[in-house]
PDB file of N, CA and C in Angstrom:
ATOM      1  N   UNK A   1     -13.093  -8.976  -1.655  1.00  0.00           N
ATOM      2  CA  UNK A   1     -11.788  -8.375  -1.900  1.00  0.00           C
ATOM      3  C   UNK A   1     -10.994  -9.272  -2.840  1.00  0.00           C
ATOM      4  N   UNK A   2     -10.342  -8.635  -3.797  1.00  0.00           N
ATOM      5  CA  UNK A   2      -9.494  -9.405  -4.691  1.00  0.00           C
ATOM      6  C   UNK A   2      -8.041  -9.337  -4.218  1.00  0.00           C
ATOM      7  N   UNK A   3      -7.182 -10.092  -4.871  1.00  0.00           N
ATOM      8  CA  UNK A   3      -5.801 -10.201  -4.386  1.00  0.00           C
ATOM      9  C   UNK A   3      -5.040  -8.885  -4.482  1.00  0.00           C
ATOM     10  N   UNK A   4      -5.363  -8.038  -5.449  1.00  0.00           N
ATOM     11  CA  UNK A   4      -4.686  -6.748  -5.539  1.00  0.00           C
ATOM     12  C   UNK A   4      -5.052  -5.852  -4.362  1.00  0.00           C
ATOM     13  N   UNK A   5      -6.286  -5.899  -3.950  1.00  0.00           N
ATOM     14  CA  UNK A   5      -6.704  -5.113  -2.793  1.00  0.00           C
ATOM     15  C   UNK A   5      -5.986  -5.585  -1.533  1.00  0.00           C
ATOM     16  N   UNK A   6      -5.928  -6.882  -1.339  1.00  0.00           N
ATOM     17  CA  UNK A   6      -5.292  -7.447  -0.146  1.00  0.00           C
ATOM     18  C   UNK A   6      -3.798  -7.132  -0.134  1.00  0.00           C
ATOM     19  N   UNK A   7      -3.123  -7.410  -1.246  1.00  0.00           N
ATOM     20  CA  UNK A   7      -1.680  -7.156  -1.313  1.00  0.00           C
ATOM     21  C   UNK A   7      -1.380  -5.668  -1.157  1.00  0.00           C
ATOM     22  N   UNK A   8      -2.202  -4.837  -1.756  1.00  0.00           N
ATOM     23  CA  UNK A   8      -1.993  -3.398  -1.647  1.00  0.00           C
ATOM     24  C   UNK A   8      -2.144  -2.903  -0.228  1.00  0.00           C
ATOM     25  N   UNK A   9      -3.172  -3.363   0.452  1.00  0.00           N
ATOM     26  CA  UNK A   9      -3.392  -2.926   1.836  1.00  0.00           C
ATOM     27  C   UNK A   9      -2.267  -3.436   2.746  1.00  0.00           C
ATOM     28  N   UNK A  10      -1.799  -4.656   2.488  1.00  0.00           N
ATOM     29  CA  UNK A  10      -0.686  -5.199   3.283  1.00  0.00           C
ATOM     30  C   UNK A  10       0.581  -4.379   3.038  1.00  0.00           C
ATOM     31  N   UNK A  11       0.811  -3.979   1.804  1.00  0.00           N
ATOM     32  CA  UNK A  11       1.980  -3.170   1.463  1.00  0.00           C
ATOM     33  C   UNK A  11       1.892  -1.803   2.136  1.00  0.00           C
ATOM     34  N   UNK A  12       0.698  -1.247   2.210  1.00  0.00           N
ATOM     35  CA  UNK A  12       0.502   0.034   2.899  1.00  0.00           C
ATOM     36  C   UNK A  12       0.899  -0.082   4.371  1.00  0.00           C
ATOM     37  N   UNK A  13       0.472  -1.164   5.009  1.00  0.00           N
ATOM     38  CA  UNK A  13       0.769  -1.366   6.429  1.00  0.00           C
ATOM     39  C   UNK A  13       2.274  -1.517   6.635  1.00  0.00           C
ATOM     40  N   UNK A  14       2.916  -2.350   5.807  1.00  0.00           N
ATOM     41  CA  UNK A  14       4.368  -2.529   5.929  1.00  0.00           C
ATOM     42  C   UNK A  14       5.092  -1.201   5.717  1.00  0.00           C
ATOM     43  N   UNK A  15       4.612  -0.435   4.760  1.00  0.00           N
ATOM     44  CA  UNK A  15       5.229   0.853   4.490  1.00  0.00           C
ATOM     45  C   UNK A  15       5.101   1.806   5.659  1.00  0.00           C
ATOM     46  N   UNK A  16       3.924   1.843   6.258  1.00  0.00           N
ATOM     47  CA  UNK A  16       3.710   2.735   7.400  1.00  0.00           C
ATOM     48  C   UNK A  16       4.586   2.322   8.581  1.00  0.00           C
ATOM     49  N   UNK A  17       4.717   1.014   8.798  1.00  0.00           N
ATOM     50  CA  UNK A  17       5.566   0.524   9.887  1.00  0.00           C
ATOM     51  C   UNK A  17       7.019   0.935   9.642  1.00  0.00           C
ATOM     52  N   UNK A  18       7.504   0.733   8.419  1.00  0.00           N
ATOM     53  CA  UNK A  18       8.881   1.111   8.104  1.00  0.00           C
ATOM     54  C   UNK A  18       9.088   2.616   8.208  1.00  0.00           C
ATOM     55  N   UNK A  19       8.103   3.376   7.768  1.00  0.00           N
ATOM     56  CA  UNK A  19       8.198   4.833   7.836  1.00  0.00           C
ATOM     57  C   UNK A  19       8.329   5.311   9.284  1.00  0.00           C
ATOM     58  N   UNK A  20       7.476   4.787  10.149  1.00  0.00           N
ATOM     59  CA  UNK A  20       7.506   5.183  11.561  1.00  0.00           C
ATOM     60  C   UNK A  20       8.787   4.691  12.232  1.00  0.00           C
ATOM     61  N   UNK A  21       9.190   3.466  11.931  1.00  0.00           N
ATOM     62  CA  UNK A  21      10.427   2.933  12.518  1.00  0.00           C
ATOM     63  C   UNK A  21      11.625   3.771  12.082  1.00  0.00           C
ATOM     64  N   UNK A  22      11.650   4.170  10.822  1.00  0.00           N
ATOM     65  CA  UNK A  22      12.733   5.013  10.336  1.00  0.00           C
ATOM     66  C   UNK A  22      12.731   6.375  10.998  1.00  0.00           C
ATOM     67  N   UNK A  23      11.552   6.940  11.184  1.00  0.00           N
ATOM     68  CA  UNK A  23      11.445   8.246  11.826  1.00  0.00           C
ATOM     69  C   UNK A  23      11.913   8.169  13.285  1.00  0.00           C
ATOM     70  N   UNK A  24      11.499   7.120  13.993  1.00  0.00           N
ATOM     71  CA  UNK A  24      11.865   6.970  15.406  1.00  0.00           C
ATOM     72  C   UNK A  24      13.365   6.757  15.559  1.00  0.00           C
ATOM     73  N   UNK A  25      13.932   5.910  14.688  1.00  0.00           N
ATOM     74  CA  UNK A  25      15.361   5.583  14.806  1.00  0.00           C
ATOM     75  C   UNK A  25      16.265   6.605  14.128  1.00  0.00           C
ATOM     76  N   UNK A  26      15.678   7.552  13.403  1.00  0.00           N
ATOM     77  CA  UNK A  26      16.489   8.542  12.710  1.00  0.00           C
ATOM     78  C   UNK A  26      17.093   8.020  11.415  1.00  0.00           C
ATOM     79  N   UNK A  27      16.594   6.883  10.938  1.00  0.00           N
ATOM     80  CA  UNK A  27      17.094   6.273   9.708  1.00  0.00           C
ATOM     81  C   UNK A  27      16.275   6.808   8.532  1.00  0.00           C
ATOM     82  N   UNK A  28      16.831   7.792   7.839  1.00  0.00           N
ATOM     83  CA  UNK A  28      16.114   8.446   6.741  1.00  0.00           C
ATOM     84  C   UNK A  28      15.854   7.483   5.576  1.00  0.00           C
ATOM     85  N   UNK A  29      16.787   6.550   5.333  1.00  0.00           N
ATOM     86  CA  UNK A  29      16.599   5.584   4.245  1.00  0.00           C
ATOM     87  C   UNK A  29      15.402   4.680   4.508  1.00  0.00           C
ATOM     88  N   UNK A  30      15.280   4.186   5.726  1.00  0.00           N
ATOM     89  CA  UNK A  30      14.154   3.327   6.088  1.00  0.00           C
ATOM     90  C   UNK A  30      12.843   4.107   6.026  1.00  0.00           C
ATOM     91  N   UNK A  31      12.881   5.340   6.471  1.00  0.00           N
ATOM     92  CA  UNK A  31      11.692   6.180   6.430  1.00  0.00           C
ATOM     93  C   UNK A  31      11.245   6.396   4.978  1.00  0.00           C
ATOM     94  N   UNK A  32      12.205   6.688   4.101  1.00  0.00           N
ATOM     95  CA  UNK A  32      11.878   6.896   2.686  1.00  0.00           C
ATOM     96  C   UNK A  32      11.359   5.620   2.034  1.00  0.00           C
ATOM     97  N   UNK A  33      11.988   4.487   2.369  1.00  0.00           N
ATOM     98  CA  UNK A  33      11.535   3.199   1.835  1.00  0.00           C
ATOM     99  C   UNK A  33      10.087   2.941   2.259  1.00  0.00           C
ATOM    100  N   UNK A  34       9.771   3.256   3.505  1.00  0.00           N
ATOM    101  CA  UNK A  34       8.414   3.071   4.010  1.00  0.00           C
ATOM    102  C   UNK A  34       7.414   3.936   3.274  1.00  0.00           C
ATOM    103  N   UNK A  35       7.791   5.182   2.991  1.00  0.00           N
ATOM    104  CA  UNK A  35       6.895   6.069   2.252  1.00  0.00           C
ATOM    105  C   UNK A  35       6.615   5.521   0.860  1.00  0.00           C
ATOM    106  N   UNK A  36       7.662   5.013   0.205  1.00  0.00           N
ATOM    107  CA  UNK A  36       7.483   4.444  -1.137  1.00  0.00           C
ATOM    108  C   UNK A  36       6.607   3.196  -1.106  1.00  0.00           C
ATOM    109  N   UNK A  37       6.810   2.340  -0.095  1.00  0.00           N
ATOM    110  CA  UNK A  37       5.974   1.142   0.041  1.00  0.00           C
ATOM    111  C   UNK A  37       4.518   1.536   0.259  1.00  0.00           C
ATOM    112  N   UNK A  38       4.312   2.546   1.070  1.00  0.00           N
ATOM    113  CA  UNK A  38       2.963   3.004   1.379  1.00  0.00           C
ATOM    114  C   UNK A  38       2.271   3.488   0.105  1.00  0.00           C
ATOM    115  N   UNK A  39       2.964   4.301  -0.678  1.00  0.00           N
ATOM    116  CA  UNK A  39       2.388   4.812  -1.930  1.00  0.00           C
ATOM    117  C   UNK A  39       2.133   3.669  -2.903  1.00  0.00           C
ATOM    118  N   UNK A  40       3.092   2.756  -3.028  1.00  0.00           N
ATOM    119  CA  UNK A  40       2.914   1.608  -3.914  1.00  0.00           C
ATOM    120  C   UNK A  40       1.725   0.762  -3.507  1.00  0.00           C
ATOM    121  N   UNK A  41       1.550   0.589  -2.213  1.00  0.00           N
ATOM    122  CA  UNK A  41       0.408  -0.166  -1.712  1.00  0.00           C
ATOM    123  C   UNK A  41      -0.908   0.519  -2.023  1.00  0.00           C
ATOM    124  N   UNK A  42      -0.935   1.835  -1.891  1.00  0.00           N
ATOM    125  CA  UNK A  42      -2.162   2.576  -2.204  1.00  0.00           C
ATOM    126  C   UNK A  42      -2.518   2.436  -3.683  1.00  0.00           C
ATOM    127  N   UNK A  43      -1.496   2.483  -4.536  1.00  0.00           N
ATOM    128  CA  UNK A  43      -1.741   2.331  -5.969  1.00  0.00           C
ATOM    129  C   UNK A  43      -2.291   0.944  -6.273  1.00  0.00           C
ATOM    130  N   UNK A  44      -1.667  -0.084  -5.701  1.00  0.00           N
ATOM    131  CA  UNK A  44      -2.123  -1.451  -5.962  1.00  0.00           C
ATOM    132  C   UNK A  44      -3.533  -1.670  -5.411  1.00  0.00           C
ATOM    133  N   UNK A  45      -3.798  -1.152  -4.227  1.00  0.00           N
ATOM    134  CA  UNK A  45      -5.142  -1.299  -3.651  1.00  0.00           C
ATOM    135  C   UNK A  45      -6.165  -0.552  -4.495  1.00  0.00           C
ATOM    136  N   UNK A  46      -5.797   0.620  -4.984  1.00  0.00           N
ATOM    137  CA  UNK A  46      -6.690   1.381  -5.856  1.00  0.00           C
ATOM    138  C   UNK A  46      -6.981   0.643  -7.143  1.00  0.00           C
ATOM    139  N   UNK A  47      -5.965  -0.009  -7.690  1.00  0.00           N
ATOM    140  CA  UNK A  47      -6.144  -0.822  -8.885  1.00  0.00           C
ATOM    141  C   UNK A  47      -7.122  -1.969  -8.596  1.00  0.00           C
ATOM    142  N   UNK A  48      -6.956  -2.596  -7.445  1.00  0.00           N
ATOM    143  CA  UNK A  48      -7.867  -3.673  -7.054  1.00  0.00           C
ATOM    144  C   UNK A  48      -9.288  -3.172  -6.874  1.00  0.00           C
ATOM    145  N   UNK A  49      -9.431  -1.990  -6.291  1.00  0.00           N
ATOM    146  CA  UNK A  49     -10.756  -1.394  -6.126  1.00  0.00           C
ATOM    147  C   UNK A  49     -11.397  -1.129  -7.483  1.00  0.00           C
ATOM    148  N   UNK A  50     -10.596  -0.625  -8.414  1.00  0.00           N
ATOM    149  CA  UNK A  50     -11.096  -0.341  -9.755  1.00  0.00           C
ATOM    150  C   UNK A  50     -11.546  -1.622 -10.458  1.00  0.00           C
ATOM    151  N   UNK A  51     -10.738  -2.678 -10.337  1.00  0.00           N
ATOM    152  CA  UNK A  51     -11.118  -3.971 -10.927  1.00  0.00           C
ATOM    153  C   UNK A  51     -12.440  -4.463 -10.346  1.00  0.00           C
ATOM    154  N   UNK A  52     -12.593  -4.332  -9.035  1.00  0.00           N
ATOM    155  CA  UNK A  52     -13.830  -4.754  -8.364  1.00  0.00           C
ATOM    156  C   UNK A  52     -15.020  -3.958  -8.880  1.00  0.00           C
ATOM    157  N   UNK A  53     -14.844  -2.642  -9.007  1.00  0.00           N
ATOM    158  CA  UNK A  53     -15.944  -1.797  -9.469  1.00  0.00           C
ATOM    159  C   UNK A  53     -16.335  -2.115 -10.905  1.00  0.00           C
ATOM    160  N   UNK A  54     -15.350  -2.354 -11.757  1.00  0.00           N
ATOM    161  CA  UNK A  54     -15.634  -2.697 -13.148  1.00  0.00           C
ATOM    162  C   UNK A  54     -16.385  -4.019 -13.216  1.00  0.00           C
ATOM    163  N   UNK A  55     -15.919  -4.990 -12.437  1.00  0.00           N
ATOM    164  CA  UNK A  55     -16.574  -6.296 -12.438  1.00  0.00           C
ATOM    165  C   UNK A  55     -18.007  -6.184 -11.920  1.00  0.00           C
ATOM    166  N   UNK A  56     -18.200  -5.391 -10.884  1.00  0.00           N
ATOM    167  CA  UNK A  56     -19.517  -5.226 -10.285  1.00  0.00           C
ATOM    168  C   UNK A  56     -20.473  -4.549 -11.276  1.00  0.00           C
ATOM    169  N   UNK A  57     -19.980  -3.554 -11.999  1.00  0.00           N
ATOM    170  CA  UNK A  57     -20.831  -2.801 -12.925  1.00  0.00           C
ATOM    171  C   UNK A  57     -21.099  -3.532 -14.221  1.00  0.00           C
ATOM    172  N   UNK A  58     -20.232  -4.474 -14.591  1.00  0.00           N
ATOM    173  CA  UNK A  58     -20.438  -5.192 -15.832  1.00  0.00           C
ATOM    174  C   UNK A  58     -21.327  -6.426 -15.661  1.00  0.00           C
ATOM    175  N   UNK A  59     -21.599  -6.793 -14.432  1.00  0.00           N
ATOM    176  CA  UNK A  59     -22.411  -7.991 -14.174  1.00  0.00           C
ATOM    177  C   UNK A  59     -23.882  -7.697 -14.226  1.00  0.00           C
TER     178      UNK A  59
END
């Protein structure tokens, strides 16, 4: 795993936690922030996956 994969997956987890906490507490702003973090984490993790695949295929 490269650093983009790790950071992305961690961001996904933080986002999901914030999303659920916002939903439970009725805080729409926190819920929305969590959704954005989750999406951002997925993008970063996907970028890391792509880098890994390119490196693997070019070797």
